[in-house]
Amino acid sequence: MPRRSERVVDAVRVRRVLAPTDFSAGAEAAVRWAAAVAAAFGAGLTVLHVIDLSDVVPLPAAVPGFVSLPLGDIVEQTRRGAEEAMAQLLDRYPQAEPLIREGPPPEVILEVATEVGAALIAMGTHGRTGVDRAIFGSVAEHVVRHSPVPVLTVRLPRAS
């Protein structure tokens, strides 16, 4: 007779794992976990990068030493950079399906999880505390609190 843990695993139908990435080392560690979980369940893997347009701030032409670009050019350059980083990531995870979207990362991650039918979201966390957390917020915390599916958070150990 199978043990209870084996019955639970058998009862879970994991067809797709979502791995949001900002291309940081912590996010890649989460992609590694997501790839392992997907392989264990024979599931698909979607790697998502969200271009946060609130980070794209055009500088006025009057700022000395800076060349101002139209917002459309800035967004296009940001998208090209994301596509290049995604291509490099896919060299290491060729089984993954890439997806690049624009918008507020927490909301887009949750929308895409529903859209692709993810049974699990695996994402890195920066482990921000104090002022950094108050200023930058926590995408991972928002996703954990609002996700309709389990969320695996992966944090790199602090450098000693």
N, C-alpha and C. Protein backbone atom coordinates (compact mmCIF):
# COMPACT_ATOMS: atom_id res chain seq x y z
N MET A 1 0.85 -1.19 0.00
CA MET A 1 0.00 0.00 0.00
C MET A 1 0.89 1.25 0.00
N PRO A 2 0.59 2.24 -0.88
CA PRO A 2 1.40 3.45 -0.93
C PRO A 2 1.28 4.26 0.36
N ARG A 3 2.38 4.91 0.71
CA ARG A 3 2.37 5.79 1.88
C ARG A 3 1.52 7.02 1.58
N ARG A 4 1.09 7.69 2.63
CA ARG A 4 0.24 8.86 2.47
C ARG A 4 0.90 9.91 1.57
N SER A 5 2.20 10.17 1.75
CA SER A 5 2.86 11.18 0.93
C SER A 5 2.84 10.80 -0.54
N GLU A 6 2.95 9.53 -0.86
CA GLU A 6 2.88 9.09 -2.25
C GLU A 6 1.47 9.28 -2.81
N ARG A 7 0.46 9.04 -1.99
CA ARG A 7 -0.92 9.24 -2.45
C ARG A 7 -1.19 10.72 -2.72
N VAL A 8 -0.64 11.60 -1.87
CA VAL A 8 -0.83 13.04 -2.07
C VAL A 8 -0.19 13.47 -3.38
N VAL A 9 1.05 13.03 -3.62
CA VAL A 9 1.73 13.39 -4.86
C VAL A 9 0.98 12.86 -6.06
N ASP A 10 0.48 11.64 -5.96
CA ASP A 10 -0.28 11.07 -7.08
C ASP A 10 -1.57 11.86 -7.34
N ALA A 11 -2.14 12.44 -6.31
CA ALA A 11 -3.40 13.16 -6.45
C ALA A 11 -3.21 14.55 -7.07
N VAL A 12 -2.00 15.09 -6.99
CA VAL A 12 -1.72 16.42 -7.52
C VAL A 12 -1.48 16.32 -9.02
N ARG A 13 -2.19 17.11 -9.77
CA ARG A 13 -2.02 17.13 -11.23
C ARG A 13 -1.27 18.40 -11.60
N VAL A 14 0.01 18.26 -11.79
CA VAL A 14 0.83 19.40 -12.17
C VAL A 14 1.08 19.31 -13.66
N ARG A 15 0.45 20.19 -14.39
CA ARG A 15 0.63 20.20 -15.85
C ARG A 15 1.52 21.34 -16.32
N ARG A 16 1.64 22.38 -15.47
CA ARG A 16 2.47 23.53 -15.86
C ARG A 16 2.99 24.20 -14.61
N VAL A 17 4.26 24.61 -14.67
CA VAL A 17 4.91 25.37 -13.60
C VAL A 17 5.30 26.72 -14.19
N LEU A 18 5.02 27.77 -13.45
CA LEU A 18 5.37 29.13 -13.87
C LEU A 18 6.56 29.61 -13.06
N ALA A 19 7.57 30.13 -13.75
CA ALA A 19 8.76 30.67 -13.10
C ALA A 19 8.98 32.11 -13.54
N PRO A 20 8.48 33.09 -12.77
CA PRO A 20 8.76 34.48 -13.10
C PRO A 20 10.24 34.77 -12.86
N THR A 21 10.83 35.61 -13.69
CA THR A 21 12.25 35.94 -13.52
C THR A 21 12.51 37.40 -13.79
N ASP A 22 13.43 37.95 -12.99
CA ASP A 22 13.96 39.28 -13.28
C ASP A 22 15.41 39.14 -13.75
N PHE A 23 15.81 37.91 -14.04
CA PHE A 23 17.14 37.54 -14.53
C PHE A 23 18.24 37.69 -13.48
N SER A 24 17.86 37.80 -12.22
CA SER A 24 18.85 37.83 -11.14
C SER A 24 19.27 36.41 -10.79
N ALA A 25 20.33 36.29 -9.98
CA ALA A 25 20.79 34.97 -9.55
C ALA A 25 19.71 34.26 -8.73
N GLY A 26 19.00 35.00 -7.89
CA GLY A 26 17.93 34.40 -7.10
C GLY A 26 16.79 33.89 -7.96
N ALA A 27 16.47 34.64 -8.99
CA ALA A 27 15.42 34.20 -9.91
C ALA A 27 15.85 32.97 -10.68
N GLU A 28 17.12 32.91 -11.06
CA GLU A 28 17.57 31.72 -11.79
C GLU A 28 17.56 30.49 -10.89
N ALA A 29 17.86 30.67 -9.61
CA ALA A 29 17.76 29.54 -8.67
C ALA A 29 16.32 29.02 -8.64
N ALA A 30 15.36 29.93 -8.69
CA ALA A 30 13.95 29.53 -8.70
C ALA A 30 13.59 28.83 -10.01
N VAL A 31 14.15 29.30 -11.13
CA VAL A 31 13.91 28.64 -12.41
C VAL A 31 14.45 27.21 -12.36
N ARG A 32 15.62 27.04 -11.72
CA ARG A 32 16.19 25.70 -11.57
C ARG A 32 15.24 24.79 -10.81
N TRP A 33 14.67 25.29 -9.70
CA TRP A 33 13.69 24.52 -8.93
C TRP A 33 12.45 24.23 -9.78
N ALA A 34 11.98 25.24 -10.49
CA ALA A 34 10.78 25.08 -11.32
C ALA A 34 11.02 24.01 -12.39
N ALA A 35 12.19 24.02 -13.00
CA ALA A 35 12.52 23.03 -14.03
C ALA A 35 12.55 21.63 -13.42
N ALA A 36 13.08 21.50 -12.22
CA ALA A 36 13.14 20.20 -11.56
C ALA A 36 11.74 19.69 -11.21
N VAL A 37 10.90 20.57 -10.71
CA VAL A 37 9.52 20.18 -10.38
C VAL A 37 8.77 19.79 -11.65
N ALA A 38 8.92 20.60 -12.69
CA ALA A 38 8.25 20.30 -13.97
C ALA A 38 8.70 18.95 -14.50
N ALA A 39 9.99 18.68 -14.44
CA ALA A 39 10.52 17.40 -14.93
C ALA A 39 9.97 16.25 -14.09
N ALA A 40 9.91 16.42 -12.78
CA ALA A 40 9.42 15.35 -11.90
C ALA A 40 7.97 15.00 -12.20
N PHE A 41 7.18 15.97 -12.58
CA PHE A 41 5.76 15.74 -12.86
C PHE A 41 5.47 15.58 -14.35
N GLY A 42 6.49 15.71 -15.18
CA GLY A 42 6.25 15.65 -16.62
C GLY A 42 5.41 16.83 -17.08
N ALA A 43 5.62 17.98 -16.43
CA ALA A 43 4.81 19.17 -16.69
C ALA A 43 5.57 20.14 -17.60
N GLY A 44 4.83 21.07 -18.17
CA GLY A 44 5.43 22.13 -18.95
C GLY A 44 5.99 23.21 -18.03
N LEU A 45 6.92 23.98 -18.54
CA LEU A 45 7.55 25.06 -17.78
C LEU A 45 7.43 26.35 -18.58
N THR A 46 6.85 27.37 -17.96
CA THR A 46 6.77 28.69 -18.56
C THR A 46 7.66 29.62 -17.75
N VAL A 47 8.58 30.29 -18.43
CA VAL A 47 9.42 31.29 -17.78
C VAL A 47 8.91 32.66 -18.22
N LEU A 48 8.57 33.47 -17.24
CA LEU A 48 7.94 34.77 -17.48
C LEU A 48 8.84 35.90 -17.00
N HIS A 49 9.02 36.89 -17.85
CA HIS A 49 9.67 38.14 -17.42
C HIS A 49 8.65 39.25 -17.60
N VAL A 50 8.51 40.06 -16.57
CA VAL A 50 7.58 41.19 -16.64
C VAL A 50 8.38 42.48 -16.70
N ILE A 51 8.15 43.24 -17.76
CA ILE A 51 8.78 44.55 -17.89
C ILE A 51 7.93 45.52 -17.08
N ASP A 52 8.52 46.03 -16.03
CA ASP A 52 7.82 46.95 -15.13
C ASP A 52 8.01 48.36 -15.66
N LEU A 53 7.00 48.88 -16.33
CA LEU A 53 7.11 50.20 -16.95
C LEU A 53 7.22 51.31 -15.93
N SER A 54 6.89 51.04 -14.67
CA SER A 54 7.06 52.08 -13.65
C SER A 54 8.54 52.33 -13.39
N ASP A 55 9.41 51.38 -13.79
CA ASP A 55 10.86 51.56 -13.65
C ASP A 55 11.43 52.38 -14.80
N VAL A 56 10.66 52.58 -15.85
CA VAL A 56 11.15 53.29 -17.04
C VAL A 56 10.74 54.75 -16.91
N VAL A 57 11.71 55.57 -16.57
CA VAL A 57 11.44 56.99 -16.36
C VAL A 57 12.28 57.80 -17.33
N PRO A 58 11.65 58.41 -18.33
CA PRO A 58 12.43 59.24 -19.25
C PRO A 58 12.93 60.49 -18.53
N LEU A 59 14.19 60.83 -18.76
CA LEU A 59 14.75 62.05 -18.17
C LEU A 59 14.45 63.23 -19.08
N PRO A 60 14.15 64.36 -18.49
CA PRO A 60 13.93 65.54 -19.33
C PRO A 60 15.21 65.92 -20.05
N ALA A 61 15.07 66.50 -21.22
CA ALA A 61 16.23 66.89 -22.04
C ALA A 61 17.10 67.90 -21.30
N ALA A 62 16.55 68.60 -20.32
CA ALA A 62 17.28 69.65 -19.63
C ALA A 62 18.30 69.10 -18.62
N VAL A 63 18.30 67.81 -18.33
CA VAL A 63 19.25 67.25 -17.36
C VAL A 63 20.62 67.20 -18.02
N PRO A 64 21.59 67.93 -17.48
CA PRO A 64 22.93 67.98 -18.11
C PRO A 64 23.58 66.59 -18.12
N GLY A 65 24.20 66.28 -19.26
CA GLY A 65 24.94 65.02 -19.36
C GLY A 65 24.09 63.83 -19.77
N PHE A 66 22.81 64.01 -19.91
CA PHE A 66 21.92 62.91 -20.29
C PHE A 66 21.23 63.23 -21.61
N VAL A 67 21.08 62.20 -22.41
CA VAL A 67 20.35 62.34 -23.66
C VAL A 67 18.97 61.76 -23.41
N SER A 68 17.97 62.56 -23.66
CA SER A 68 16.60 62.11 -23.45
C SER A 68 16.12 61.31 -24.66
N LEU A 69 15.49 60.20 -24.42
CA LEU A 69 14.92 59.38 -25.48
C LEU A 69 13.40 59.37 -25.34
N PRO A 70 12.69 59.27 -26.43
CA PRO A 70 11.24 59.13 -26.32
C PRO A 70 10.88 57.86 -25.54
N LEU A 71 9.80 57.90 -24.82
CA LEU A 71 9.39 56.77 -23.99
C LEU A 71 9.28 55.49 -24.81
N GLY A 72 8.77 55.57 -26.02
CA GLY A 72 8.65 54.39 -26.87
C GLY A 72 10.00 53.75 -27.14
N ASP A 73 11.04 54.57 -27.35
CA ASP A 73 12.39 54.05 -27.58
C ASP A 73 12.92 53.36 -26.33
N ILE A 74 12.66 53.95 -25.18
CA ILE A 74 13.12 53.37 -23.92
C ILE A 74 12.46 52.01 -23.70
N VAL A 75 11.16 51.94 -23.93
CA VAL A 75 10.44 50.68 -23.76
C VAL A 75 10.97 49.64 -24.75
N GLU A 76 11.22 50.05 -25.99
CA GLU A 76 11.73 49.11 -26.99
C GLU A 76 13.12 48.60 -26.61
N GLN A 77 13.98 49.48 -26.13
CA GLN A 77 15.31 49.04 -25.68
C GLN A 77 15.20 48.10 -24.49
N THR A 78 14.29 48.39 -23.58
CA THR A 78 14.08 47.53 -22.42
C THR A 78 13.59 46.16 -22.87
N ARG A 79 12.66 46.14 -23.82
CA ARG A 79 12.15 44.87 -24.35
C ARG A 79 13.25 44.07 -25.04
N ARG A 80 14.07 44.74 -25.84
CA ARG A 80 15.18 44.03 -26.52
C ARG A 80 16.14 43.43 -25.50
N GLY A 81 16.44 44.18 -24.46
CA GLY A 81 17.31 43.67 -23.40
C GLY A 81 16.70 42.45 -22.72
N ALA A 82 15.40 42.49 -22.48
CA ALA A 82 14.71 41.36 -21.86
C ALA A 82 14.72 40.15 -22.79
N GLU A 83 14.52 40.38 -24.07
CA GLU A 83 14.53 39.27 -25.04
C GLU A 83 15.91 38.61 -25.11
N GLU A 84 16.96 39.44 -25.05
CA GLU A 84 18.32 38.89 -25.06
C GLU A 84 18.60 38.08 -23.80
N ALA A 85 18.20 38.62 -22.65
CA ALA A 85 18.41 37.90 -21.38
C ALA A 85 17.59 36.61 -21.36
N MET A 86 16.38 36.65 -21.90
CA MET A 86 15.54 35.45 -21.95
C MET A 86 16.20 34.39 -22.85
N ALA A 87 16.74 34.81 -23.99
CA ALA A 87 17.40 33.86 -24.89
C ALA A 87 18.58 33.18 -24.19
N GLN A 88 19.34 33.93 -23.42
CA GLN A 88 20.46 33.34 -22.67
C GLN A 88 19.95 32.35 -21.62
N LEU A 89 18.86 32.69 -20.96
CA LEU A 89 18.29 31.79 -19.96
C LEU A 89 17.79 30.51 -20.62
N LEU A 90 17.18 30.65 -21.79
CA LEU A 90 16.64 29.48 -22.49
C LEU A 90 17.75 28.57 -23.02
N ASP A 91 18.96 29.10 -23.17
CA ASP A 91 20.09 28.24 -23.52
C ASP A 91 20.31 27.21 -22.42
N ARG A 92 20.04 27.60 -21.17
CA ARG A 92 20.22 26.69 -20.03
C ARG A 92 18.96 25.87 -19.74
N TYR A 93 17.80 26.35 -20.17
CA TYR A 93 16.52 25.66 -19.93
C TYR A 93 15.74 25.60 -21.24
N PRO A 94 16.21 24.81 -22.20
CA PRO A 94 15.58 24.79 -23.53
C PRO A 94 14.15 24.25 -23.52
N GLN A 95 13.77 23.54 -22.47
CA GLN A 95 12.42 22.99 -22.40
C GLN A 95 11.38 24.06 -22.03
N ALA A 96 11.84 25.21 -21.58
CA ALA A 96 10.94 26.26 -21.11
C ALA A 96 10.29 27.01 -22.26
N GLU A 97 9.07 27.43 -22.02
CA GLU A 97 8.36 28.30 -22.96
C GLU A 97 8.51 29.73 -22.44
N PRO A 98 9.10 30.62 -23.24
CA PRO A 98 9.32 31.99 -22.77
C PRO A 98 8.09 32.87 -22.95
N LEU A 99 7.96 33.83 -22.04
CA LEU A 99 6.86 34.78 -22.12
C LEU A 99 7.36 36.10 -21.55
N ILE A 100 7.19 37.18 -22.29
CA ILE A 100 7.55 38.52 -21.82
C ILE A 100 6.30 39.37 -21.89
N ARG A 101 5.98 40.00 -20.77
CA ARG A 101 4.81 40.87 -20.68
C ARG A 101 5.21 42.20 -20.06
N GLU A 102 4.33 43.17 -20.16
CA GLU A 102 4.54 44.48 -19.55
C GLU A 102 3.45 44.73 -18.53
N GLY A 103 3.83 45.44 -17.45
CA GLY A 103 2.86 45.82 -16.44
C GLY A 103 3.41 45.68 -15.05
N PRO A 104 2.55 45.83 -14.06
CA PRO A 104 2.99 45.67 -12.67
C PRO A 104 3.28 44.18 -12.40
N PRO A 105 4.51 43.84 -12.02
CA PRO A 105 4.88 42.42 -11.90
C PRO A 105 3.94 41.56 -11.06
N PRO A 106 3.53 41.96 -9.86
CA PRO A 106 2.68 41.05 -9.08
C PRO A 106 1.38 40.69 -9.80
N GLU A 107 0.74 41.69 -10.37
CA GLU A 107 -0.53 41.45 -11.05
C GLU A 107 -0.34 40.61 -12.31
N VAL A 108 0.70 40.92 -13.08
CA VAL A 108 0.93 40.18 -14.32
C VAL A 108 1.27 38.72 -14.01
N ILE A 109 2.08 38.48 -12.98
CA ILE A 109 2.42 37.10 -12.61
C ILE A 109 1.16 36.31 -12.28
N LEU A 110 0.27 36.89 -11.49
CA LEU A 110 -0.97 36.18 -11.12
C LEU A 110 -1.87 35.97 -12.33
N GLU A 111 -1.95 36.96 -13.22
CA GLU A 111 -2.76 36.81 -14.44
C GLU A 111 -2.22 35.69 -15.32
N VAL A 112 -0.90 35.67 -15.51
CA VAL A 112 -0.29 34.66 -16.37
C VAL A 112 -0.44 33.27 -15.74
N ALA A 113 -0.32 33.17 -14.42
CA ALA A 113 -0.49 31.87 -13.76
C ALA A 113 -1.85 31.28 -14.10
N THR A 114 -2.88 32.10 -14.07
CA THR A 114 -4.23 31.64 -14.42
C THR A 114 -4.32 31.33 -15.91
N GLU A 115 -3.78 32.23 -16.72
CA GLU A 115 -3.84 32.09 -18.18
C GLU A 115 -3.20 30.79 -18.67
N VAL A 116 -2.04 30.43 -18.12
CA VAL A 116 -1.33 29.23 -18.60
C VAL A 116 -1.73 27.98 -17.84
N GLY A 117 -2.58 28.12 -16.84
CA GLY A 117 -3.01 26.96 -16.05
C GLY A 117 -1.93 26.42 -15.15
N ALA A 118 -1.13 27.31 -14.58
CA ALA A 118 -0.04 26.88 -13.70
C ALA A 118 -0.61 26.24 -12.43
N ALA A 119 0.01 25.14 -12.04
CA ALA A 119 -0.34 24.48 -10.78
C ALA A 119 0.60 24.92 -9.67
N LEU A 120 1.69 25.59 -10.04
CA LEU A 120 2.70 26.04 -9.08
C LEU A 120 3.43 27.23 -9.67
N ILE A 121 3.74 28.19 -8.82
CA ILE A 121 4.60 29.31 -9.19
C ILE A 121 5.87 29.16 -8.37
N ALA A 122 7.02 29.16 -9.03
CA ALA A 122 8.31 29.10 -8.34
C ALA A 122 9.04 30.39 -8.64
N MET A 123 9.35 31.16 -7.60
CA MET A 123 9.98 32.46 -7.83
C MET A 123 11.01 32.78 -6.78
N GLY A 124 11.98 33.58 -7.19
CA GLY A 124 13.01 34.02 -6.27
C GLY A 124 12.51 35.14 -5.40
N THR A 125 13.19 35.33 -4.29
CA THR A 125 12.88 36.44 -3.41
C THR A 125 14.19 37.09 -3.00
N HIS A 126 14.18 38.40 -2.93
CA HIS A 126 15.39 39.13 -2.58
C HIS A 126 15.59 39.19 -1.08
N GLY A 127 14.56 38.89 -0.31
CA GLY A 127 14.69 38.93 1.14
C GLY A 127 14.89 40.34 1.67
N ARG A 128 14.24 41.31 1.04
CA ARG A 128 14.38 42.70 1.50
C ARG A 128 13.73 42.86 2.87
N THR A 129 14.32 43.72 3.66
CA THR A 129 13.75 44.04 4.97
C THR A 129 13.83 45.55 5.16
N GLY A 130 13.17 46.03 6.18
CA GLY A 130 13.26 47.43 6.59
C GLY A 130 12.88 48.41 5.51
N VAL A 131 13.73 49.42 5.34
CA VAL A 131 13.44 50.52 4.42
C VAL A 131 13.34 50.03 2.98
N ASP A 132 14.25 49.13 2.57
CA ASP A 132 14.19 48.61 1.20
C ASP A 132 12.82 47.99 0.93
N ARG A 133 12.33 47.20 1.87
CA ARG A 133 11.03 46.53 1.67
C ARG A 133 9.91 47.56 1.63
N ALA A 134 10.00 48.59 2.48
CA ALA A 134 8.97 49.63 2.49
C ALA A 134 8.97 50.40 1.18
N ILE A 135 10.15 50.66 0.61
CA ILE A 135 10.24 51.43 -0.63
C ILE A 135 9.90 50.57 -1.84
N PHE A 136 10.53 49.40 -1.93
CA PHE A 136 10.40 48.58 -3.13
C PHE A 136 9.26 47.57 -3.06
N GLY A 137 8.77 47.29 -1.86
CA GLY A 137 7.72 46.30 -1.72
C GLY A 137 8.27 44.91 -1.97
N SER A 138 7.40 43.96 -1.98
CA SER A 138 7.82 42.59 -2.22
C SER A 138 6.89 41.94 -3.22
N VAL A 139 7.41 41.71 -4.40
CA VAL A 139 6.62 41.04 -5.43
C VAL A 139 6.27 39.64 -4.94
N ALA A 140 7.27 38.93 -4.40
CA ALA A 140 7.03 37.56 -3.93
C ALA A 140 5.96 37.52 -2.86
N GLU A 141 6.02 38.45 -1.91
CA GLU A 141 5.01 38.45 -0.83
C GLU A 141 3.61 38.67 -1.40
N HIS A 142 3.48 39.59 -2.34
CA HIS A 142 2.17 39.85 -2.94
C HIS A 142 1.65 38.59 -3.65
N VAL A 143 2.54 37.94 -4.40
CA VAL A 143 2.13 36.73 -5.12
C VAL A 143 1.73 35.64 -4.14
N VAL A 144 2.52 35.44 -3.08
CA VAL A 144 2.19 34.41 -2.08
C VAL A 144 0.83 34.69 -1.47
N ARG A 145 0.57 35.94 -1.14
CA ARG A 145 -0.70 36.29 -0.46
C ARG A 145 -1.93 36.18 -1.36
N HIS A 146 -1.74 36.33 -2.68
CA HIS A 146 -2.90 36.40 -3.57
C HIS A 146 -3.01 35.26 -4.57
N SER A 147 -2.03 34.38 -4.60
CA SER A 147 -2.03 33.33 -5.61
C SER A 147 -3.08 32.26 -5.33
N PRO A 148 -3.78 31.83 -6.37
CA PRO A 148 -4.74 30.73 -6.20
C PRO A 148 -4.05 29.36 -6.21
N VAL A 149 -2.73 29.33 -6.50
CA VAL A 149 -1.98 28.07 -6.53
C VAL A 149 -0.78 28.20 -5.58
N PRO A 150 -0.19 27.07 -5.18
CA PRO A 150 0.98 27.14 -4.30
C PRO A 150 2.12 27.93 -4.94
N VAL A 151 2.90 28.58 -4.06
CA VAL A 151 4.04 29.37 -4.51
C VAL A 151 5.27 28.87 -3.75
N LEU A 152 6.28 28.49 -4.53
CA LEU A 152 7.57 28.09 -3.96
C LEU A 152 8.49 29.28 -4.08
N THR A 153 8.96 29.80 -2.93
CA THR A 153 9.90 30.92 -2.96
C THR A 153 11.30 30.39 -2.71
N VAL A 154 12.25 30.89 -3.47
CA VAL A 154 13.63 30.44 -3.39
C VAL A 154 14.48 31.67 -3.10
N ARG A 155 15.27 31.57 -2.06
CA ARG A 155 16.14 32.68 -1.67
C ARG A 155 17.57 32.17 -1.64
N LEU A 156 18.45 32.92 -2.28
CA LEU A 156 19.88 32.57 -2.25
C LEU A 156 20.41 32.87 -0.86
N PRO A 157 21.32 32.03 -0.38
CA PRO A 157 21.94 32.34 0.92
C PRO A 157 22.72 33.64 0.83
N ARG A 158 22.75 34.36 1.92
CA ARG A 158 23.52 35.60 1.96
C ARG A 158 25.00 35.29 1.84
N ALA A 159 25.70 36.14 1.12
CA ALA A 159 27.16 35.96 0.98
C ALA A 159 27.81 36.24 2.33
N SER A 160 28.77 35.39 2.70
CA SER A 160 29.41 35.61 4.00
C SER A 160 30.63 36.47 3.87
